[in-house]
């Protein structure tokens, strides 16, 4: 399971509306790819619909799409959204990450 906080869900809906992606089928694709200073990086992008093998999570009126390979690294993760003076964006609280970089955008599992 991947959990989405209310703040993150609200931001996902705002982004979908701004980009003209239908709320009925669209969502935020989250994934993991090789790279970054710790070995793996998080990837985010808006999608108009889920793919055949995706795991789909719906919470607080928003939808998350995760491919099977990425899900191995992301299960039990919480996706949050922060707005602070020096930083703004989605934040992953990933219990599978053994180590992460200072900026939080890459990790080692």
PDB file of N, CA and C in Angstrom:
ATOM      1  N   UNK A   1       0.837  -1.180   0.000  1.00  0.00           N
ATOM      2  CA  UNK A   1       0.000   0.000   0.000  1.00  0.00           C
ATOM      3  C   UNK A   1       0.879   1.240   0.000  1.00  0.00           C
ATOM      4  N   UNK A   2       0.422   2.247  -0.657  1.00  0.00           N
ATOM      5  CA  UNK A   2       1.057   3.565  -0.620  1.00  0.00           C
ATOM      6  C   UNK A   2       0.004   4.547  -0.129  1.00  0.00           C
ATOM      7  N   UNK A   3       0.359   5.301   0.885  1.00  0.00           N
ATOM      8  CA  UNK A   3      -0.582   6.255   1.454  1.00  0.00           C
ATOM      9  C   UNK A   3      -0.294   7.651   0.927  1.00  0.00           C
ATOM     10  N   UNK A   4      -1.347   8.432   0.836  1.00  0.00           N
ATOM     11  CA  UNK A   4      -1.246   9.805   0.358  1.00  0.00           C
ATOM     12  C   UNK A   4      -1.867  10.704   1.412  1.00  0.00           C
ATOM     13  N   UNK A   5      -1.119  11.708   1.861  1.00  0.00           N
ATOM     14  CA  UNK A   5      -1.671  12.629   2.848  1.00  0.00           C
ATOM     15  C   UNK A   5      -2.713  13.536   2.170  1.00  0.00           C
ATOM     16  N   UNK A   6      -3.533  14.179   2.978  1.00  0.00           N
ATOM     17  CA  UNK A   6      -4.535  15.096   2.421  1.00  0.00           C
ATOM     18  C   UNK A   6      -3.884  16.235   1.650  1.00  0.00           C
ATOM     19  N   UNK A   7      -2.765  16.755   2.160  1.00  0.00           N
ATOM     20  CA  UNK A   7      -2.057  17.841   1.465  1.00  0.00           C
ATOM     21  C   UNK A   7      -1.557  17.395   0.098  1.00  0.00           C
ATOM     22  N   UNK A   8      -0.997  16.189   0.034  1.00  0.00           N
ATOM     23  CA  UNK A   8      -0.497  15.673  -1.236  1.00  0.00           C
ATOM     24  C   UNK A   8      -1.649  15.434  -2.203  1.00  0.00           C
ATOM     25  N   UNK A   9      -2.744  14.884  -1.706  1.00  0.00           N
ATOM     26  CA  UNK A   9      -3.910  14.619  -2.559  1.00  0.00           C
ATOM     27  C   UNK A   9      -4.466  15.919  -3.132  1.00  0.00           C
ATOM     28  N   UNK A  10      -4.531  16.951  -2.318  1.00  0.00           N
ATOM     29  CA  UNK A  10      -5.022  18.249  -2.790  1.00  0.00           C
ATOM     30  C   UNK A  10      -4.128  18.792  -3.896  1.00  0.00           C
ATOM     31  N   UNK A  11      -2.813  18.679  -3.713  1.00  0.00           N
ATOM     32  CA  UNK A  11      -1.872  19.179  -4.722  1.00  0.00           C
ATOM     33  C   UNK A  11      -1.975  18.374  -6.018  1.00  0.00           C
ATOM     34  N   UNK A  12      -2.150  17.062  -5.902  1.00  0.00           N
ATOM     35  CA  UNK A  12      -2.315  16.233  -7.099  1.00  0.00           C
ATOM     36  C   UNK A  12      -3.542  16.689  -7.878  1.00  0.00           C
ATOM     37  N   UNK A  13      -4.657  16.889  -7.198  1.00  0.00           N
ATOM     38  CA  UNK A  13      -5.880  17.361  -7.880  1.00  0.00           C
ATOM     39  C   UNK A  13      -5.654  18.716  -8.543  1.00  0.00           C
ATOM     40  N   UNK A  14      -4.975  19.634  -7.855  1.00  0.00           N
ATOM     41  CA  UNK A  14      -4.678  20.954  -8.423  1.00  0.00           C
ATOM     42  C   UNK A  14      -3.853  20.824  -9.705  1.00  0.00           C
ATOM     43  N   UNK A  15      -2.835  19.971  -9.679  1.00  0.00           N
ATOM     44  CA  UNK A  15      -1.977  19.784 -10.853  1.00  0.00           C
ATOM     45  C   UNK A  15      -2.748  19.169 -12.019  1.00  0.00           C
ATOM     46  N   UNK A  16      -3.594  18.192 -11.734  1.00  0.00           N
ATOM     47  CA  UNK A  16      -4.391  17.565 -12.789  1.00  0.00           C
ATOM     48  C   UNK A  16      -5.305  18.589 -13.455  1.00  0.00           C
ATOM     49  N   UNK A  17      -5.959  19.393 -12.645  1.00  0.00           N
ATOM     50  CA  UNK A  17      -6.862  20.419 -13.181  1.00  0.00           C
ATOM     51  C   UNK A  17      -6.081  21.429 -14.016  1.00  0.00           C
ATOM     52  N   UNK A  18      -4.961  21.902 -13.488  1.00  0.00           N
ATOM     53  CA  UNK A  18      -4.144  22.901 -14.195  1.00  0.00           C
ATOM     54  C   UNK A  18      -3.646  22.380 -15.543  1.00  0.00           C
ATOM     55  N   UNK A  19      -3.319  21.091 -15.615  1.00  0.00           N
ATOM     56  CA  UNK A  19      -2.794  20.500 -16.851  1.00  0.00           C
ATOM     57  C   UNK A  19      -3.893  19.927 -17.758  1.00  0.00           C
ATOM     58  N   UNK A  20      -5.148  20.029 -17.338  1.00  0.00           N
ATOM     59  CA  UNK A  20      -6.249  19.548 -18.159  1.00  0.00           C
ATOM     60  C   UNK A  20      -6.394  18.040 -18.203  1.00  0.00           C
ATOM     61  N   UNK A  21      -5.891  17.352 -17.187  1.00  0.00           N
ATOM     62  CA  UNK A  21      -6.002  15.896 -17.106  1.00  0.00           C
ATOM     63  C   UNK A  21      -7.312  15.559 -16.397  1.00  0.00           C
ATOM     64  N   UNK A  22      -8.144  14.676 -16.969  1.00  0.00           N
ATOM     65  CA  UNK A  22      -9.433  14.355 -16.350  1.00  0.00           C
ATOM     66  C   UNK A  22      -9.272  13.754 -14.952  1.00  0.00           C
ATOM     67  N   UNK A  23      -9.981  14.316 -13.982  1.00  0.00           N
ATOM     68  CA  UNK A  23      -9.928  13.813 -12.614  1.00  0.00           C
ATOM     69  C   UNK A  23     -10.501  12.405 -12.499  1.00  0.00           C
ATOM     70  N   UNK A  24     -11.413  12.046 -13.398  1.00  0.00           N
ATOM     71  CA  UNK A  24     -12.075  10.737 -13.333  1.00  0.00           C
ATOM     72  C   UNK A  24     -11.122   9.584 -13.630  1.00  0.00           C
ATOM     73  N   UNK A  25     -10.110   9.820 -14.475  1.00  0.00           N
ATOM     74  CA  UNK A  25      -9.196   8.741 -14.868  1.00  0.00           C
ATOM     75  C   UNK A  25      -7.734   9.049 -14.577  1.00  0.00           C
ATOM     76  N   UNK A  26      -7.391  10.312 -14.427  1.00  0.00           N
ATOM     77  CA  UNK A  26      -6.000  10.717 -14.286  1.00  0.00           C
ATOM     78  C   UNK A  26      -5.455  10.563 -12.888  1.00  0.00           C
ATOM     79  N   UNK A  27      -4.132  10.663 -12.792  1.00  0.00           N
ATOM     80  CA  UNK A  27      -3.486  10.572 -11.497  1.00  0.00           C
ATOM     81  C   UNK A  27      -2.007  10.899 -11.595  1.00  0.00           C
ATOM     82  N   UNK A  28      -1.330  10.732 -10.488  1.00  0.00           N
ATOM     83  CA  UNK A  28       0.100  10.964 -10.420  1.00  0.00           C
ATOM     84  C   UNK A  28       0.827   9.629 -10.462  1.00  0.00           C
ATOM     85  N   UNK A  29       1.708   9.468 -11.446  1.00  0.00           N
ATOM     86  CA  UNK A  29       2.538   8.268 -11.519  1.00  0.00           C
ATOM     87  C   UNK A  29       3.772   8.512 -10.672  1.00  0.00           C
ATOM     88  N   UNK A  30       4.018   7.601  -9.725  1.00  0.00           N
ATOM     89  CA  UNK A  30       5.250   7.677  -8.959  1.00  0.00           C
ATOM     90  C   UNK A  30       6.051   6.420  -9.262  1.00  0.00           C
ATOM     91  N   UNK A  31       7.352   6.586  -9.325  1.00  0.00           N
ATOM     92  CA  UNK A  31       8.202   5.456  -9.657  1.00  0.00           C
ATOM     93  C   UNK A  31       9.599   5.647  -9.130  1.00  0.00           C
ATOM     94  N   UNK A  32      10.422   4.660  -9.404  1.00  0.00           N
ATOM     95  CA  UNK A  32      11.810   4.654  -8.991  1.00  0.00           C
ATOM     96  C   UNK A  32      12.652   4.357 -10.225  1.00  0.00           C
ATOM     97  N   UNK A  33      13.757   5.074 -10.372  1.00  0.00           N
ATOM     98  CA  UNK A  33      14.672   4.815 -11.472  1.00  0.00           C
ATOM     99  C   UNK A  33      16.100   4.935 -10.962  1.00  0.00           C
ATOM    100  N   UNK A  34      17.015   4.317 -11.665  1.00  0.00           N
ATOM    101  CA  UNK A  34      18.418   4.378 -11.285  1.00  0.00           C
ATOM    102  C   UNK A  34      18.967   5.776 -11.470  1.00  0.00           C
ATOM    103  N   UNK A  35      19.862   6.188 -10.569  1.00  0.00           N
ATOM    104  CA  UNK A  35      20.490   7.495 -10.677  1.00  0.00           C
ATOM    105  C   UNK A  35      20.531   8.204  -9.342  1.00  0.00           C
ATOM    106  N   UNK A  36      20.997   9.423  -9.363  1.00  0.00           N
ATOM    107  CA  UNK A  36      21.094  10.213  -8.144  1.00  0.00           C
ATOM    108  C   UNK A  36      22.332   9.854  -7.346  1.00  0.00           C
ATOM    109  N   UNK A  37      22.596  10.614  -6.318  1.00  0.00           N
ATOM    110  CA  UNK A  37      23.818  10.409  -5.537  1.00  0.00           C
ATOM    111  C   UNK A  37      23.744   9.197  -4.620  1.00  0.00           C
ATOM    112  N   UNK A  38      22.551   8.641  -4.392  1.00  0.00           N
ATOM    113  CA  UNK A  38      22.426   7.466  -3.531  1.00  0.00           C
ATOM    114  C   UNK A  38      22.074   6.193  -4.297  1.00  0.00           C
ATOM    115  N   UNK A  39      21.893   6.276  -5.607  1.00  0.00           N
ATOM    116  CA  UNK A  39      21.659   5.073  -6.412  1.00  0.00           C
ATOM    117  C   UNK A  39      20.295   4.979  -7.056  1.00  0.00           C
ATOM    118  N   UNK A  40      19.248   5.422  -6.378  1.00  0.00           N
ATOM    119  CA  UNK A  40      17.887   5.390  -6.927  1.00  0.00           C
ATOM    120  C   UNK A  40      17.253   6.760  -6.742  1.00  0.00           C
ATOM    121  N   UNK A  41      16.428   7.168  -7.702  1.00  0.00           N
ATOM    122  CA  UNK A  41      15.720   8.442  -7.584  1.00  0.00           C
ATOM    123  C   UNK A  41      14.228   8.217  -7.753  1.00  0.00           C
ATOM    124  N   UNK A  42      13.464   9.118  -7.169  1.00  0.00           N
ATOM    125  CA  UNK A  42      12.015   9.099  -7.323  1.00  0.00           C
ATOM    126  C   UNK A  42      11.648   9.815  -8.615  1.00  0.00           C
ATOM    127  N   UNK A  43      10.639   9.300  -9.298  1.00  0.00           N
ATOM    128  CA  UNK A  43      10.151   9.926 -10.528  1.00  0.00           C
ATOM    129  C   UNK A  43       8.661  10.212 -10.363  1.00  0.00           C
ATOM    130  N   UNK A  44       8.235  11.367 -10.824  1.00  0.00           N
ATOM    131  CA  UNK A  44       6.834  11.793 -10.731  1.00  0.00           C
ATOM    132  C   UNK A  44       6.388  12.358 -12.063  1.00  0.00           C
ATOM    133  N   UNK A  45       5.182  12.014 -12.480  1.00  0.00           N
ATOM    134  CA  UNK A  45       4.592  12.666 -13.653  1.00  0.00           C
ATOM    135  C   UNK A  45       3.095  12.416 -13.668  1.00  0.00           C
ATOM    136  N   UNK A  46       2.383  13.324 -14.284  1.00  0.00           N
ATOM    137  CA  UNK A  46       0.933  13.181 -14.405  1.00  0.00           C
ATOM    138  C   UNK A  46       0.610  12.229 -15.540  1.00  0.00           C
ATOM    139  N   UNK A  47      -0.440  11.443 -15.360  1.00  0.00           N
ATOM    140  CA  UNK A  47      -0.885  10.483 -16.371  1.00  0.00           C
ATOM    141  C   UNK A  47      -2.395  10.620 -16.553  1.00  0.00           C
ATOM    142  N   UNK A  48      -2.866  10.376 -17.763  1.00  0.00           N
ATOM    143  CA  UNK A  48      -4.299  10.453 -18.026  1.00  0.00           C
ATOM    144  C   UNK A  48      -5.056   9.206 -17.572  1.00  0.00           C
ATOM    145  N   UNK A  49      -4.327   8.085 -17.453  1.00  0.00           N
ATOM    146  CA  UNK A  49      -4.959   6.847 -16.980  1.00  0.00           C
ATOM    147  C   UNK A  49      -3.884   5.845 -16.563  1.00  0.00           C
ATOM    148  N   UNK A  50      -4.310   4.825 -15.818  1.00  0.00           N
ATOM    149  CA  UNK A  50      -3.395   3.777 -15.370  1.00  0.00           C
ATOM    150  C   UNK A  50      -3.054   2.849 -16.525  1.00  0.00           C
ATOM    151  N   UNK A  51      -1.915   2.197 -16.415  1.00  0.00           N
ATOM    152  CA  UNK A  51      -1.519   1.160 -17.375  1.00  0.00           C
ATOM    153  C   UNK A  51      -2.025  -0.191 -16.867  1.00  0.00           C
ATOM    154  N   UNK A  52      -1.977  -1.202 -17.729  1.00  0.00           N
ATOM    155  CA  UNK A  52      -2.541  -2.517 -17.405  1.00  0.00           C
ATOM    156  C   UNK A  52      -1.998  -3.125 -16.118  1.00  0.00           C
ATOM    157  N   UNK A  53      -0.710  -3.076 -15.899  1.00  0.00           N
ATOM    158  CA  UNK A  53      -0.124  -3.769 -14.750  1.00  0.00           C
ATOM    159  C   UNK A  53       0.079  -2.877 -13.524  1.00  0.00           C
ATOM    160  N   UNK A  54      -0.333  -1.623 -13.604  1.00  0.00           N
ATOM    161  CA  UNK A  54      -0.147  -0.684 -12.496  1.00  0.00           C
ATOM    162  C   UNK A  54      -0.924  -1.096 -11.257  1.00  0.00           C
ATOM    163  N   UNK A  55      -0.361  -0.745 -10.124  1.00  0.00           N
ATOM    164  CA  UNK A  55      -1.118  -0.750  -8.877  1.00  0.00           C
ATOM    165  C   UNK A  55      -1.681   0.660  -8.764  1.00  0.00           C
ATOM    166  N   UNK A  56      -2.956   0.757  -8.431  1.00  0.00           N
ATOM    167  CA  UNK A  56      -3.624   2.046  -8.343  1.00  0.00           C
ATOM    168  C   UNK A  56      -4.091   2.248  -6.906  1.00  0.00           C
ATOM    169  N   UNK A  57      -3.745   3.399  -6.340  1.00  0.00           N
ATOM    170  CA  UNK A  57      -4.137   3.730  -4.979  1.00  0.00           C
ATOM    171  C   UNK A  57      -4.943   5.014  -5.021  1.00  0.00           C
ATOM    172  N   UNK A  58      -6.121   5.001  -4.399  1.00  0.00           N
ATOM    173  CA  UNK A  58      -6.976   6.186  -4.348  1.00  0.00           C
ATOM    174  C   UNK A  58      -7.168   6.583  -2.900  1.00  0.00           C
ATOM    175  N   UNK A  59      -6.892   7.851  -2.629  1.00  0.00           N
ATOM    176  CA  UNK A  59      -7.034   8.343  -1.273  1.00  0.00           C
ATOM    177  C   UNK A  59      -7.297   9.840  -1.311  1.00  0.00           C
ATOM    178  N   UNK A  60      -8.242  10.291  -0.517  1.00  0.00           N
ATOM    179  CA  UNK A  60      -8.588  11.714  -0.406  1.00  0.00           C
ATOM    180  C   UNK A  60      -8.913  12.332  -1.766  1.00  0.00           C
ATOM    181  N   UNK A  61      -9.543  11.570  -2.653  1.00  0.00           N
ATOM    182  CA  UNK A  61      -9.959  12.098  -3.944  1.00  0.00           C
ATOM    183  C   UNK A  61      -8.865  12.204  -4.984  1.00  0.00           C
ATOM    184  N   UNK A  62      -7.731  11.564  -4.763  1.00  0.00           N
ATOM    185  CA  UNK A  62      -6.668  11.567  -5.768  1.00  0.00           C
ATOM    186  C   UNK A  62      -6.231  10.133  -6.043  1.00  0.00           C
ATOM    187  N   UNK A  63      -5.531   9.955  -7.144  1.00  0.00           N
ATOM    188  CA  UNK A  63      -5.132   8.630  -7.593  1.00  0.00           C
ATOM    189  C   UNK A  63      -3.630   8.599  -7.837  1.00  0.00           C
ATOM    190  N   UNK A  64      -2.986   7.491  -7.398  1.00  0.00           N
ATOM    191  CA  UNK A  64      -1.556   7.259  -7.603  1.00  0.00           C
ATOM    192  C   UNK A  64      -1.399   5.999  -8.442  1.00  0.00           C
ATOM    193  N   UNK A  65      -0.540   6.048  -9.460  1.00  0.00           N
ATOM    194  CA  UNK A  65      -0.230   4.882 -10.295  1.00  0.00           C
ATOM    195  C   UNK A  65       1.219   4.469 -10.033  1.00  0.00           C
ATOM    196  N   UNK A  66       1.432   3.163  -9.828  1.00  0.00           N
ATOM    197  CA  UNK A  66       2.784   2.656  -9.561  1.00  0.00           C
ATOM    198  C   UNK A  66       2.999   1.382 -10.369  1.00  0.00           C
ATOM    199  N   UNK A  67       4.095   1.334 -11.135  1.00  0.00           N
ATOM    200  CA  UNK A  67       4.414   0.127 -11.896  1.00  0.00           C
ATOM    201  C   UNK A  67       4.915  -0.956 -10.937  1.00  0.00           C
ATOM    202  N   UNK A  68       4.822  -2.236 -11.320  1.00  0.00           N
ATOM    203  CA  UNK A  68       5.189  -3.335 -10.409  1.00  0.00           C
ATOM    204  C   UNK A  68       6.627  -3.280  -9.891  1.00  0.00           C
ATOM    205  N   UNK A  69       7.580  -2.925 -10.724  1.00  0.00           N
ATOM    206  CA  UNK A  69       8.987  -2.871 -10.298  1.00  0.00           C
ATOM    207  C   UNK A  69       9.194  -1.773  -9.255  1.00  0.00           C
ATOM    208  N   UNK A  70       8.637  -0.593  -9.503  1.00  0.00           N
ATOM    209  CA  UNK A  70       8.781   0.510  -8.548  1.00  0.00           C
ATOM    210  C   UNK A  70       8.097   0.193  -7.230  1.00  0.00           C
ATOM    211  N   UNK A  71       6.996  -0.541  -7.296  1.00  0.00           N
ATOM    212  CA  UNK A  71       6.260  -0.857  -6.079  1.00  0.00           C
ATOM    213  C   UNK A  71       7.118  -1.653  -5.093  1.00  0.00           C
ATOM    214  N   UNK A  72       8.039  -2.461  -5.593  1.00  0.00           N
ATOM    215  CA  UNK A  72       8.929  -3.211  -4.709  1.00  0.00           C
ATOM    216  C   UNK A  72       9.718  -2.274  -3.790  1.00  0.00           C
ATOM    217  N   UNK A  73      10.069  -1.093  -4.277  1.00  0.00           N
ATOM    218  CA  UNK A  73      10.831  -0.125  -3.503  1.00  0.00           C
ATOM    219  C   UNK A  73       9.943   0.866  -2.745  1.00  0.00           C
ATOM    220  N   UNK A  74       8.674   0.944  -3.138  1.00  0.00           N
ATOM    221  CA  UNK A  74       7.799   1.981  -2.585  1.00  0.00           C
ATOM    222  C   UNK A  74       6.696   1.477  -1.656  1.00  0.00           C
ATOM    223  N   UNK A  75       6.548   0.161  -1.501  1.00  0.00           N
ATOM    224  CA  UNK A  75       5.448  -0.296  -0.662  1.00  0.00           C
ATOM    225  C   UNK A  75       5.612   0.227   0.767  1.00  0.00           C
ATOM    226  N   UNK A  76       4.481   0.588   1.344  1.00  0.00           N
ATOM    227  CA  UNK A  76       4.375   1.179   2.689  1.00  0.00           C
ATOM    228  C   UNK A  76       4.919   2.598   2.772  1.00  0.00           C
ATOM    229  N   UNK A  77       5.116   3.237   1.632  1.00  0.00           N
ATOM    230  CA  UNK A  77       5.568   4.625   1.591  1.00  0.00           C
ATOM    231  C   UNK A  77       4.380   5.562   1.774  1.00  0.00           C
ATOM    232  N   UNK A  78       4.639   6.710   2.360  1.00  0.00           N
ATOM    233  CA  UNK A  78       3.645   7.780   2.465  1.00  0.00           C
ATOM    234  C   UNK A  78       4.126   8.939   1.603  1.00  0.00           C
ATOM    235  N   UNK A  79       3.236   9.424   0.741  1.00  0.00           N
ATOM    236  CA  UNK A  79       3.539  10.588  -0.090  1.00  0.00           C
ATOM    237  C   UNK A  79       2.908  11.809   0.563  1.00  0.00           C
ATOM    238  N   UNK A  80       3.728  12.808   0.845  1.00  0.00           N
ATOM    239  CA  UNK A  80       3.259  14.038   1.473  1.00  0.00           C
ATOM    240  C   UNK A  80       3.617  15.211   0.567  1.00  0.00           C
ATOM    241  N   UNK A  81       3.087  16.373   0.883  1.00  0.00           N
ATOM    242  CA  UNK A  81       3.437  17.590   0.161  1.00  0.00           C
ATOM    243  C   UNK A  81       3.769  18.651   1.198  1.00  0.00           C
ATOM    244  N   UNK A  82       4.911  19.298   1.039  1.00  0.00           N
ATOM    245  CA  UNK A  82       5.317  20.335   1.987  1.00  0.00           C
ATOM    246  C   UNK A  82       5.446  21.676   1.290  1.00  0.00           C
ATOM    247  N   UNK A  83       5.106  22.715   2.021  1.00  0.00           N
ATOM    248  CA  UNK A  83       5.294  24.091   1.578  1.00  0.00           C
ATOM    249  C   UNK A  83       5.958  24.828   2.720  1.00  0.00           C
ATOM    250  N   UNK A  84       7.254  24.996   2.608  1.00  0.00           N
ATOM    251  CA  UNK A  84       8.037  25.673   3.623  1.00  0.00           C
ATOM    252  C   UNK A  84       8.744  26.860   2.989  1.00  0.00           C
ATOM    253  N   UNK A  85       9.359  27.658   3.802  1.00  0.00           N
ATOM    254  CA  UNK A  85      10.037  28.849   3.318  1.00  0.00           C
ATOM    255  C   UNK A  85      11.121  28.524   2.293  1.00  0.00           C
ATOM    256  N   UNK A  86      11.916  27.488   2.541  1.00  0.00           N
ATOM    257  CA  UNK A  86      13.040  27.156   1.671  1.00  0.00           C
ATOM    258  C   UNK A  86      12.786  25.965   0.751  1.00  0.00           C
ATOM    259  N   UNK A  87      11.614  25.347   0.867  1.00  0.00           N
ATOM    260  CA  UNK A  87      11.376  24.135   0.075  1.00  0.00           C
ATOM    261  C   UNK A  87       9.890  23.922  -0.137  1.00  0.00           C
ATOM    262  N   UNK A  88       9.566  23.431  -1.324  1.00  0.00           N
ATOM    263  CA  UNK A  88       8.179  23.130  -1.674  1.00  0.00           C
ATOM    264  C   UNK A  88       8.173  21.937  -2.604  1.00  0.00           C
ATOM    265  N   UNK A  89       7.312  20.959  -2.324  1.00  0.00           N
ATOM    266  CA  UNK A  89       7.211  19.822  -3.222  1.00  0.00           C
ATOM    267  C   UNK A  89       6.758  18.556  -2.523  1.00  0.00           C
ATOM    268  N   UNK A  90       6.673  17.489  -3.310  1.00  0.00           N
ATOM    269  CA  UNK A  90       6.284  16.185  -2.779  1.00  0.00           C
ATOM    270  C   UNK A  90       7.451  15.586  -2.004  1.00  0.00           C
ATOM    271  N   UNK A  91       7.119  14.910  -0.913  1.00  0.00           N
ATOM    272  CA  UNK A  91       8.115  14.284  -0.046  1.00  0.00           C
ATOM    273  C   UNK A  91       7.715  12.828   0.164  1.00  0.00           C
ATOM    274  N   UNK A  92       8.683  11.940   0.004  1.00  0.00           N
ATOM    275  CA  UNK A  92       8.464  10.505   0.216  1.00  0.00           C
ATOM    276  C   UNK A  92       8.951  10.119   1.605  1.00  0.00           C
ATOM    277  N   UNK A  93       8.080   9.506   2.378  1.00  0.00           N
ATOM    278  CA  UNK A  93       8.464   8.915   3.658  1.00  0.00           C
ATOM    279  C   UNK A  93       8.501   7.415   3.401  1.00  0.00           C
ATOM    280  N   UNK A  94       9.692   6.938   3.039  1.00  0.00           N
ATOM    281  CA  UNK A  94       9.863   5.581   2.536  1.00  0.00           C
ATOM    282  C   UNK A  94      10.597   4.706   3.560  1.00  0.00           C
ATOM    283  N   UNK A  95       9.891   3.756   4.193  1.00  0.00           N
ATOM    284  CA  UNK A  95      10.540   2.894   5.172  1.00  0.00           C
ATOM    285  C   UNK A  95      11.526   1.902   4.550  1.00  0.00           C
ATOM    286  N   UNK A  96      11.506   1.754   3.227  1.00  0.00           N
ATOM    287  CA  UNK A  96      12.410   0.844   2.527  1.00  0.00           C
ATOM    288  C   UNK A  96      13.773   1.473   2.234  1.00  0.00           C
ATOM    289  N   UNK A  97      13.868   2.783   2.394  1.00  0.00           N
ATOM    290  CA  UNK A  97      15.123   3.485   2.109  1.00  0.00           C
ATOM    291  C   UNK A  97      16.091   3.278   3.267  1.00  0.00           C
ATOM    292  N   UNK A  98      17.212   2.653   2.973  1.00  0.00           N
ATOM    293  CA  UNK A  98      18.240   2.440   3.991  1.00  0.00           C
ATOM    294  C   UNK A  98      19.035   3.714   4.242  1.00  0.00           C
ATOM    295  N   UNK A  99      19.188   4.498   3.181  1.00  0.00           N
ATOM    296  CA  UNK A  99      19.944   5.742   3.261  1.00  0.00           C
ATOM    297  C   UNK A  99      19.419   6.666   2.192  1.00  0.00           C
ATOM    298  N   UNK A 100      19.414   7.967   2.442  1.00  0.00           N
ATOM    299  CA  UNK A 100      18.998   8.918   1.413  1.00  0.00           C
ATOM    300  C   UNK A 100      19.964  10.088   1.391  1.00  0.00           C
ATOM    301  N   UNK A 101      19.933  10.821   0.293  1.00  0.00           N
ATOM    302  CA  UNK A 101      20.820  11.968   0.154  1.00  0.00           C
ATOM    303  C   UNK A 101      20.268  13.146   0.952  1.00  0.00           C
ATOM    304  N   UNK A 102      21.017  14.191   1.046  1.00  0.00           N
ATOM    305  CA  UNK A 102      20.613  15.373   1.810  1.00  0.00           C
ATOM    306  C   UNK A 102      19.367  16.054   1.281  1.00  0.00           C
ATOM    307  N   UNK A 103      19.168  16.032  -0.022  1.00  0.00           N
ATOM    308  CA  UNK A 103      18.008  16.704  -0.600  1.00  0.00           C
ATOM    309  C   UNK A 103      16.756  15.832  -0.566  1.00  0.00           C
ATOM    310  N   UNK A 104      16.908  14.537  -0.315  1.00  0.00           N
ATOM    311  CA  UNK A 104      15.756  13.641  -0.216  1.00  0.00           C
ATOM    312  C   UNK A 104      15.223  13.132  -1.536  1.00  0.00           C
ATOM    313  N   UNK A 105      15.926  13.422  -2.633  1.00  0.00           N
ATOM    314  CA  UNK A 105      15.411  12.991  -3.934  1.00  0.00           C
ATOM    315  C   UNK A 105      15.994  11.661  -4.405  1.00  0.00           C
ATOM    316  N   UNK A 106      17.010  11.157  -3.717  1.00  0.00           N
ATOM    317  CA  UNK A 106      17.546   9.848  -4.068  1.00  0.00           C
ATOM    318  C   UNK A 106      17.765   9.029  -2.800  1.00  0.00           C
ATOM    319  N   UNK A 107      17.827   7.708  -2.987  1.00  0.00           N
ATOM    320  CA  UNK A 107      17.948   6.832  -1.815  1.00  0.00           C
ATOM    321  C   UNK A 107      18.592   5.521  -2.196  1.00  0.00           C
ATOM    322  N   UNK A 108      18.950   4.742  -1.184  1.00  0.00           N
ATOM    323  CA  UNK A 108      19.481   3.393  -1.340  1.00  0.00           C
ATOM    324  C   UNK A 108      18.530   2.452  -0.637  1.00  0.00           C
ATOM    325  N   UNK A 109      18.197   1.351  -1.296  1.00  0.00           N
ATOM    326  CA  UNK A 109      17.289   0.374  -0.685  1.00  0.00           C
ATOM    327  C   UNK A 109      18.018  -0.920  -0.427  1.00  0.00           C
TER     328      UNK A 109
END
